[in-house]
Amino acid sequence: MSLVLVILGTVLVSVALFNKVPRYVPGRPPEPRSGRGGSVATARRPGVPPRVRLVSARLTEQGRALLTAVGGSALIVAFFLTLSGV
């Protein structure tokens, strides 16, 4: 339980601190070759693998304060749960 609260609190506080969230960007397969059979070499655009980018979270000051308060509270609760042995 305390590990889940530590992870949750860390995520919330880091989002509030850096104002960034991860976003999945799907990949793009390589373009198919044209079947002309000519001897002219054409440049092919390689495929792009899927990736995760950090984009702006667009948080207001109230949103940042809320995430910081909830995340910090989760970290404090996790600390005391760990001390009590739960």
PDB file of N, CA and C in Angstrom:
ATOM      1  N   MET A   1       0.820  -1.191   0.000  1.00  0.00           N
ATOM      2  CA  MET A   1       0.000   0.000   0.000  1.00  0.00           C
ATOM      3  C   MET A   1       0.866   1.257   0.000  1.00  0.00           C
ATOM      4  N   SER A   2       1.916   1.233   0.844  1.00  0.00           N
ATOM      5  CA  SER A   2       2.748   2.431   0.929  1.00  0.00           C
ATOM      6  C   SER A   2       3.541   2.635  -0.357  1.00  0.00           C
ATOM      7  N   LEU A   3       3.914   1.547  -1.034  1.00  0.00           N
ATOM      8  CA  LEU A   3       4.637   1.689  -2.297  1.00  0.00           C
ATOM      9  C   LEU A   3       3.754   2.344  -3.356  1.00  0.00           C
ATOM     10  N   VAL A   4       2.486   1.975  -3.390  1.00  0.00           N
ATOM     11  CA  VAL A   4       1.550   2.577  -4.338  1.00  0.00           C
ATOM     12  C   VAL A   4       1.386   4.072  -4.039  1.00  0.00           C
ATOM     13  N   LEU A   5       1.292   4.418  -2.770  1.00  0.00           N
ATOM     14  CA  LEU A   5       1.160   5.830  -2.395  1.00  0.00           C
ATOM     15  C   LEU A   5       2.426   6.620  -2.712  1.00  0.00           C
ATOM     16  N   VAL A   6       3.600   6.003  -2.548  1.00  0.00           N
ATOM     17  CA  VAL A   6       4.845   6.684  -2.892  1.00  0.00           C
ATOM     18  C   VAL A   6       4.901   6.952  -4.393  1.00  0.00           C
ATOM     19  N   ILE A   7       4.540   5.967  -5.199  1.00  0.00           N
ATOM     20  CA  ILE A   7       4.559   6.149  -6.657  1.00  0.00           C
ATOM     21  C   ILE A   7       3.543   7.203  -7.076  1.00  0.00           C
ATOM     22  N   LEU A   8       2.334   7.131  -6.533  1.00  0.00           N
ATOM     23  CA  LEU A   8       1.295   8.110  -6.862  1.00  0.00           C
ATOM     24  C   LEU A   8       1.713   9.522  -6.455  1.00  0.00           C
ATOM     25  N   GLY A   9       2.223   9.658  -5.241  1.00  0.00           N
ATOM     26  CA  GLY A   9       2.656  10.967  -4.763  1.00  0.00           C
ATOM     27  C   GLY A   9       3.797  11.530  -5.583  1.00  0.00           C
ATOM     28  N   THR A  10       4.751  10.676  -5.956  1.00  0.00           N
ATOM     29  CA  THR A  10       5.884  11.118  -6.758  1.00  0.00           C
ATOM     30  C   THR A  10       5.438  11.594  -8.131  1.00  0.00           C
ATOM     31  N   VAL A  11       4.523  10.872  -8.736  1.00  0.00           N
ATOM     32  CA  VAL A  11       4.023  11.269 -10.057  1.00  0.00           C
ATOM     33  C   VAL A  11       3.292  12.605  -9.980  1.00  0.00           C
ATOM     34  N   LEU A  12       2.421  12.759  -8.998  1.00  0.00           N
ATOM     35  CA  LEU A  12       1.657  14.003  -8.877  1.00  0.00           C
ATOM     36  C   LEU A  12       2.557  15.202  -8.601  1.00  0.00           C
ATOM     37  N   VAL A  13       3.523  15.036  -7.706  1.00  0.00           N
ATOM     38  CA  VAL A  13       4.410  16.151  -7.384  1.00  0.00           C
ATOM     39  C   VAL A  13       5.306  16.487  -8.575  1.00  0.00           C
ATOM     40  N   SER A  14       5.796  15.484  -9.295  1.00  0.00           N
ATOM     41  CA  SER A  14       6.671  15.775 -10.441  1.00  0.00           C
ATOM     42  C   SER A  14       5.896  16.437 -11.582  1.00  0.00           C
ATOM     43  N   VAL A  15       4.631  16.071 -11.781  1.00  0.00           N
ATOM     44  CA  VAL A  15       3.819  16.749 -12.803  1.00  0.00           C
ATOM     45  C   VAL A  15       3.608  18.204 -12.403  1.00  0.00           C
ATOM     46  N   ALA A  16       3.341  18.450 -11.136  1.00  0.00           N
ATOM     47  CA  ALA A  16       3.145  19.819 -10.672  1.00  0.00           C
ATOM     48  C   ALA A  16       4.435  20.622 -10.748  1.00  0.00           C
ATOM     49  N   LEU A  17       5.552  19.973 -10.483  1.00  0.00           N
ATOM     50  CA  LEU A  17       6.834  20.668 -10.451  1.00  0.00           C
ATOM     51  C   LEU A  17       7.316  21.041 -11.851  1.00  0.00           C
ATOM     52  N   PHE A  18       7.254  20.082 -12.786  1.00  0.00           N
ATOM     53  CA  PHE A  18       7.798  20.298 -14.128  1.00  0.00           C
ATOM     54  C   PHE A  18       6.760  20.712 -15.157  1.00  0.00           C
ATOM     55  N   ASN A  19       5.478  20.579 -14.831  1.00  0.00           N
ATOM     56  CA  ASN A  19       4.382  20.956 -15.734  1.00  0.00           C
ATOM     57  C   ASN A  19       4.460  20.203 -17.070  1.00  0.00           C
ATOM     58  N   LYS A  20       4.845  18.941 -17.020  1.00  0.00           N
ATOM     59  CA  LYS A  20       4.953  18.098 -18.212  1.00  0.00           C
ATOM     60  C   LYS A  20       4.270  16.765 -17.951  1.00  0.00           C
ATOM     61  N   VAL A  21       3.636  16.211 -18.981  1.00  0.00           N
ATOM     62  CA  VAL A  21       3.040  14.887 -18.902  1.00  0.00           C
ATOM     63  C   VAL A  21       3.503  14.081 -20.110  1.00  0.00           C
ATOM     64  N   PRO A  22       3.621  12.752 -19.973  1.00  0.00           N
ATOM     65  CA  PRO A  22       4.016  11.941 -21.127  1.00  0.00           C
ATOM     66  C   PRO A  22       2.861  11.765 -22.103  1.00  0.00           C
ATOM     67  N   ARG A  23       3.172  11.738 -23.387  1.00  0.00           N
ATOM     68  CA  ARG A  23       2.173  11.490 -24.427  1.00  0.00           C
ATOM     69  C   ARG A  23       2.734  10.484 -25.411  1.00  0.00           C
ATOM     70  N   TYR A  24       1.943   9.466 -25.734  1.00  0.00           N
ATOM     71  CA  TYR A  24       2.344   8.431 -26.680  1.00  0.00           C
ATOM     72  C   TYR A  24       2.200   8.956 -28.103  1.00  0.00           C
ATOM     73  N   VAL A  25       3.256   8.812 -28.895  1.00  0.00           N
ATOM     74  CA  VAL A  25       3.231   9.203 -30.303  1.00  0.00           C
ATOM     75  C   VAL A  25       3.387   7.926 -31.120  1.00  0.00           C
ATOM     76  N   PRO A  26       2.360   7.531 -31.880  1.00  0.00           N
ATOM     77  CA  PRO A  26       2.462   6.284 -32.646  1.00  0.00           C
ATOM     78  C   PRO A  26       3.506   6.396 -33.741  1.00  0.00           C
ATOM     79  N   GLY A  27       4.080   5.275 -34.094  1.00  0.00           N
ATOM     80  CA  GLY A  27       5.099   5.237 -35.136  1.00  0.00           C
ATOM     81  C   GLY A  27       4.497   5.322 -36.522  1.00  0.00           C
ATOM     82  N   ARG A  28       5.381   5.425 -37.490  1.00  0.00           N
ATOM     83  CA  ARG A  28       4.964   5.496 -38.886  1.00  0.00           C
ATOM     84  C   ARG A  28       5.715   4.412 -39.642  1.00  0.00           C
ATOM     85  N   PRO A  29       5.009   3.540 -40.358  1.00  0.00           N
ATOM     86  CA  PRO A  29       5.698   2.494 -41.115  1.00  0.00           C
ATOM     87  C   PRO A  29       6.446   3.105 -42.300  1.00  0.00           C
ATOM     88  N   PRO A  30       7.467   2.405 -42.806  1.00  0.00           N
ATOM     89  CA  PRO A  30       8.171   2.943 -43.973  1.00  0.00           C
ATOM     90  C   PRO A  30       7.260   2.973 -45.195  1.00  0.00           C
ATOM     91  N   GLU A  31       7.531   3.919 -46.090  1.00  0.00           N
ATOM     92  CA  GLU A  31       6.725   4.029 -47.300  1.00  0.00           C
ATOM     93  C   GLU A  31       6.975   2.823 -48.191  1.00  0.00           C
ATOM     94  N   PRO A  32       5.918   2.331 -48.843  1.00  0.00           N
ATOM     95  CA  PRO A  32       6.122   1.177 -49.734  1.00  0.00           C
ATOM     96  C   PRO A  32       6.918   1.589 -50.968  1.00  0.00           C
ATOM     97  N   ARG A  33       7.657   0.624 -51.497  1.00  0.00           N
ATOM     98  CA  ARG A  33       8.436   0.881 -52.714  1.00  0.00           C
ATOM     99  C   ARG A  33       7.508   0.916 -53.924  1.00  0.00           C
ATOM    100  N   SER A  34       7.866   1.762 -54.853  1.00  0.00           N
ATOM    101  CA  SER A  34       7.088   1.790 -56.095  1.00  0.00           C
ATOM    102  C   SER A  34       7.574   0.654 -56.982  1.00  0.00           C
ATOM    103  N   GLY A  35       6.669   0.043 -57.700  1.00  0.00           N
ATOM    104  CA  GLY A  35       6.993  -1.123 -58.511  1.00  0.00           C
ATOM    105  C   GLY A  35       7.386  -0.794 -59.937  1.00  0.00           C
ATOM    106  N   ARG A  36       8.108   0.279 -60.159  1.00  0.00           N
ATOM    107  CA  ARG A  36       8.454   0.662 -61.533  1.00  0.00           C
ATOM    108  C   ARG A  36       9.540  -0.220 -62.126  1.00  0.00           C
ATOM    109  N   GLY A  37      10.494  -0.632 -61.320  1.00  0.00           N
ATOM    110  CA  GLY A  37      11.545  -1.488 -61.837  1.00  0.00           C
ATOM    111  C   GLY A  37      12.642  -0.721 -62.554  1.00  0.00           C
ATOM    112  N   GLY A  38      12.659   0.581 -62.439  1.00  0.00           N
ATOM    113  CA  GLY A  38      13.704   1.374 -63.078  1.00  0.00           C
ATOM    114  C   GLY A  38      15.010   1.284 -62.306  1.00  0.00           C
ATOM    115  N   SER A  39      16.071   1.768 -62.894  1.00  0.00           N
ATOM    116  CA  SER A  39      17.373   1.679 -62.254  1.00  0.00           C
ATOM    117  C   SER A  39      17.709   2.935 -61.453  1.00  0.00           C
ATOM    118  N   VAL A  40      16.805   3.897 -61.420  1.00  0.00           N
ATOM    119  CA  VAL A  40      17.057   5.126 -60.690  1.00  0.00           C
ATOM    120  C   VAL A  40      16.779   4.877 -59.207  1.00  0.00           C
ATOM    121  N   ALA A  41      17.788   5.175 -58.389  1.00  0.00           N
ATOM    122  CA  ALA A  41      17.626   4.982 -56.952  1.00  0.00           C
ATOM    123  C   ALA A  41      16.905   6.189 -56.361  1.00  0.00           C
ATOM    124  N   THR A  42      15.832   5.928 -55.680  1.00  0.00           N
ATOM    125  CA  THR A  42      15.088   7.012 -55.036  1.00  0.00           C
ATOM    126  C   THR A  42      15.264   6.898 -53.534  1.00  0.00           C
ATOM    127  N   ALA A  43      15.272   8.019 -52.871  1.00  0.00           N
ATOM    128  CA  ALA A  43      15.424   8.029 -51.414  1.00  0.00           C
ATOM    129  C   ALA A  43      14.101   7.654 -50.768  1.00  0.00           C
ATOM    130  N   ARG A  44      14.162   6.685 -49.878  1.00  0.00           N
ATOM    131  CA  ARG A  44      12.967   6.290 -49.129  1.00  0.00           C
ATOM    132  C   ARG A  44      13.022   6.898 -47.760  1.00  0.00           C
ATOM    133  N   ARG A  45      11.892   7.332 -47.283  1.00  0.00           N
ATOM    134  CA  ARG A  45      11.826   7.828 -45.912  1.00  0.00           C
ATOM    135  C   ARG A  45      11.696   6.627 -44.983  1.00  0.00           C
ATOM    136  N   PRO A  46      12.600   6.508 -44.034  1.00  0.00           N
ATOM    137  CA  PRO A  46      12.517   5.354 -43.134  1.00  0.00           C
ATOM    138  C   PRO A  46      11.325   5.488 -42.195  1.00  0.00           C
ATOM    139  N   GLY A  47      10.898   4.365 -41.667  1.00  0.00           N
ATOM    140  CA  GLY A  47       9.808   4.375 -40.700  1.00  0.00           C
ATOM    141  C   GLY A  47      10.283   4.956 -39.376  1.00  0.00           C
ATOM    142  N   VAL A  48       9.360   5.465 -38.613  1.00  0.00           N
ATOM    143  CA  VAL A  48       9.672   6.042 -37.310  1.00  0.00           C
ATOM    144  C   VAL A  48       9.047   5.144 -36.252  1.00  0.00           C
ATOM    145  N   PRO A  49       9.845   4.677 -35.276  1.00  0.00           N
ATOM    146  CA  PRO A  49       9.270   3.827 -34.228  1.00  0.00           C
ATOM    147  C   PRO A  49       8.385   4.634 -33.280  1.00  0.00           C
ATOM    148  N   PRO A  50       7.442   3.982 -32.611  1.00  0.00           N
ATOM    149  CA  PRO A  50       6.610   4.696 -31.635  1.00  0.00           C
ATOM    150  C   PRO A  50       7.470   5.178 -30.475  1.00  0.00           C
ATOM    151  N   ARG A  51       7.053   6.273 -29.839  1.00  0.00           N
ATOM    152  CA  ARG A  51       7.824   6.837 -28.738  1.00  0.00           C
ATOM    153  C   ARG A  51       6.900   7.580 -27.779  1.00  0.00           C
ATOM    154  N   VAL A  52       7.473   7.984 -26.674  1.00  0.00           N
ATOM    155  CA  VAL A  52       6.754   8.756 -25.669  1.00  0.00           C
ATOM    156  C   VAL A  52       7.447  10.114 -25.561  1.00  0.00           C
ATOM    157  N   ARG A  53       6.672  11.195 -25.705  1.00  0.00           N
ATOM    158  CA  ARG A  53       7.200  12.552 -25.610  1.00  0.00           C
ATOM    159  C   ARG A  53       6.626  13.234 -24.383  1.00  0.00           C
ATOM    160  N   LEU A  54       7.367  14.187 -23.858  1.00  0.00           N
ATOM    161  CA  LEU A  54       6.853  15.005 -22.768  1.00  0.00           C
ATOM    162  C   LEU A  54       6.271  16.280 -23.353  1.00  0.00           C
ATOM    163  N   VAL A  55       5.017  16.531 -23.043  1.00  0.00           N
ATOM    164  CA  VAL A  55       4.338  17.730 -23.537  1.00  0.00           C
ATOM    165  C   VAL A  55       3.843  18.538 -22.347  1.00  0.00           C
ATOM    166  N   SER A  56       3.517  19.780 -22.593  1.00  0.00           N
ATOM    167  CA  SER A  56       3.064  20.666 -21.533  1.00  0.00           C
ATOM    168  C   SER A  56       1.735  20.184 -20.954  1.00  0.00           C
ATOM    169  N   ALA A  57       1.625  20.254 -19.620  1.00  0.00           N
ATOM    170  CA  ALA A  57       0.398  19.830 -18.950  1.00  0.00           C
ATOM    171  C   ALA A  57      -0.641  20.948 -18.913  1.00  0.00           C
ATOM    172  N   ARG A  58      -0.239  22.180 -19.200  1.00  0.00           N
ATOM    173  CA  ARG A  58      -1.116  23.355 -19.205  1.00  0.00           C
ATOM    174  C   ARG A  58      -1.860  23.521 -17.877  1.00  0.00           C
ATOM    175  N   LEU A  59      -1.121  23.435 -16.789  1.00  0.00           N
ATOM    176  CA  LEU A  59      -1.729  23.564 -15.463  1.00  0.00           C
ATOM    177  C   LEU A  59      -1.807  25.024 -15.054  1.00  0.00           C
ATOM    178  N   THR A  60      -2.891  25.371 -14.399  1.00  0.00           N
ATOM    179  CA  THR A  60      -3.003  26.699 -13.792  1.00  0.00           C
ATOM    180  C   THR A  60      -2.294  26.655 -12.438  1.00  0.00           C
ATOM    181  N   GLU A  61      -2.177  27.777 -11.804  1.00  0.00           N
ATOM    182  CA  GLU A  61      -1.552  27.815 -10.477  1.00  0.00           C
ATOM    183  C   GLU A  61      -2.365  27.019  -9.464  1.00  0.00           C
ATOM    184  N   GLN A  62      -3.680  27.079  -9.596  1.00  0.00           N
ATOM    185  CA  GLN A  62      -4.527  26.288  -8.690  1.00  0.00           C
ATOM    186  C   GLN A  62      -4.332  24.795  -8.933  1.00  0.00           C
ATOM    187  N   GLY A  63      -4.206  24.399 -10.193  1.00  0.00           N
ATOM    188  CA  GLY A  63      -3.981  22.994 -10.519  1.00  0.00           C
ATOM    189  C   GLY A  63      -2.650  22.498  -9.999  1.00  0.00           C
ATOM    190  N   ARG A  64      -1.613  23.320 -10.154  1.00  0.00           N
ATOM    191  CA  ARG A  64      -0.298  22.942  -9.640  1.00  0.00           C
ATOM    192  C   ARG A  64      -0.330  22.830  -8.116  1.00  0.00           C
ATOM    193  N   ALA A  65      -1.022  23.757  -7.460  1.00  0.00           N
ATOM    194  CA  ALA A  65      -1.119  23.712  -5.997  1.00  0.00           C
ATOM    195  C   ALA A  65      -1.883  22.472  -5.543  1.00  0.00           C
ATOM    196  N   LEU A  66      -2.946  22.131  -6.267  1.00  0.00           N
ATOM    197  CA  LEU A  66      -3.731  20.948  -5.914  1.00  0.00           C
ATOM    198  C   LEU A  66      -2.914  19.677  -6.075  1.00  0.00           C
ATOM    199  N   LEU A  67      -2.206  19.547  -7.201  1.00  0.00           N
ATOM    200  CA  LEU A  67      -1.389  18.349  -7.414  1.00  0.00           C
ATOM    201  C   LEU A  67      -0.273  18.245  -6.384  1.00  0.00           C
ATOM    202  N   THR A  68       0.322  19.374  -6.041  1.00  0.00           N
ATOM    203  CA  THR A  68       1.378  19.362  -5.026  1.00  0.00           C
ATOM    204  C   THR A  68       0.822  18.957  -3.666  1.00  0.00           C
ATOM    205  N   ALA A  69      -0.336  19.483  -3.305  1.00  0.00           N
ATOM    206  CA  ALA A  69      -0.924  19.166  -1.999  1.00  0.00           C
ATOM    207  C   ALA A  69      -1.341  17.698  -1.921  1.00  0.00           C
ATOM    208  N   VAL A  70      -2.000  17.199  -2.951  1.00  0.00           N
ATOM    209  CA  VAL A  70      -2.457  15.795  -2.930  1.00  0.00           C
ATOM    210  C   VAL A  70      -1.269  14.847  -2.999  1.00  0.00           C
ATOM    211  N   GLY A  71      -0.299  15.148  -3.865  1.00  0.00           N
ATOM    212  CA  GLY A  71       0.885  14.286  -3.966  1.00  0.00           C
ATOM    213  C   GLY A  71       1.712  14.299  -2.697  1.00  0.00           C
ATOM    214  N   GLY A  72       1.899  15.477  -2.097  1.00  0.00           N
ATOM    215  CA  GLY A  72       2.642  15.553  -0.845  1.00  0.00           C
ATOM    216  C   GLY A  72       1.927  14.837   0.279  1.00  0.00           C
ATOM    217  N   SER A  73       0.610  14.941   0.311  1.00  0.00           N
ATOM    218  CA  SER A  73      -0.164  14.226   1.332  1.00  0.00           C
ATOM    219  C   SER A  73      -0.039  12.717   1.160  1.00  0.00           C
ATOM    220  N   ALA A  74      -0.040  12.259  -0.082  1.00  0.00           N
ATOM    221  CA  ALA A  74       0.131  10.820  -0.330  1.00  0.00           C
ATOM    222  C   ALA A  74       1.509  10.352   0.139  1.00  0.00           C
ATOM    223  N   LEU A  75       2.532  11.172  -0.088  1.00  0.00           N
ATOM    224  CA  LEU A  75       3.877  10.817   0.379  1.00  0.00           C
ATOM    225  C   LEU A  75       3.955  10.788   1.901  1.00  0.00           C
ATOM    226  N   ILE A  76       3.303  11.725   2.556  1.00  0.00           N
ATOM    227  CA  ILE A  76       3.305  11.747   4.026  1.00  0.00           C
ATOM    228  C   ILE A  76       2.566  10.543   4.592  1.00  0.00           C
ATOM    229  N   VAL A  77       1.418  10.197   4.000  1.00  0.00           N
ATOM    230  CA  VAL A  77       0.656   9.029   4.457  1.00  0.00           C
ATOM    231  C   VAL A  77       1.473   7.760   4.246  1.00  0.00           C
ATOM    232  N   ALA A  78       2.163   7.662   3.109  1.00  0.00           N
ATOM    233  CA  ALA A  78       3.003   6.483   2.844  1.00  0.00           C
ATOM    234  C   ALA A  78       4.132   6.383   3.869  1.00  0.00           C
ATOM    235  N   PHE A  79       4.707   7.521   4.234  1.00  0.00           N
ATOM    236  CA  PHE A  79       5.771   7.523   5.235  1.00  0.00           C
ATOM    237  C   PHE A  79       5.274   6.983   6.577  1.00  0.00           C
ATOM    238  N   PHE A  80       4.120   7.474   7.010  1.00  0.00           N
ATOM    239  CA  PHE A  80       3.605   7.025   8.305  1.00  0.00           C
ATOM    240  C   PHE A  80       3.098   5.581   8.256  1.00  0.00           C
ATOM    241  N   LEU A  81       2.575   5.150   7.119  1.00  0.00           N
ATOM    242  CA  LEU A  81       2.202   3.734   6.988  1.00  0.00           C
ATOM    243  C   LEU A  81       3.425   2.838   7.062  1.00  0.00           C
ATOM    244  N   THR A  82       4.512   3.279   6.478  1.00  0.00           N
ATOM    245  CA  THR A  82       5.743   2.503   6.540  1.00  0.00           C
ATOM    246  C   THR A  82       6.282   2.433   7.973  1.00  0.00           C
ATOM    247  N   LEU A  83       6.196   3.549   8.671  1.00  0.00           N
ATOM    248  CA  LEU A  83       6.647   3.551  10.076  1.00  0.00           C
ATOM    249  C   LEU A  83       5.796   2.631  10.946  1.00  0.00           C
ATOM    250  N   SER A  84       4.505   2.565  10.651  1.00  0.00           N
ATOM    251  CA  SER A  84       3.630   1.724  11.487  1.00  0.00           C
ATOM    252  C   SER A  84       3.694   0.251  11.109  1.00  0.00           C
ATOM    253  N   GLY A  85       4.310  -0.053   9.977  1.00  0.00           N
ATOM    254  CA  GLY A  85       4.462  -1.443   9.574  1.00  0.00           C
ATOM    255  C   GLY A  85       3.321  -2.005   8.774  1.00  0.00           C
ATOM    256  N   VAL A  86       2.455  -1.172   8.276  1.00  0.00           N
ATOM    257  CA  VAL A  86       1.305  -1.635   7.478  1.00  0.00           C
ATOM    258  C   VAL A  86       1.719  -1.818   6.048  1.00  0.00           C
TER     259      VAL A  86
END
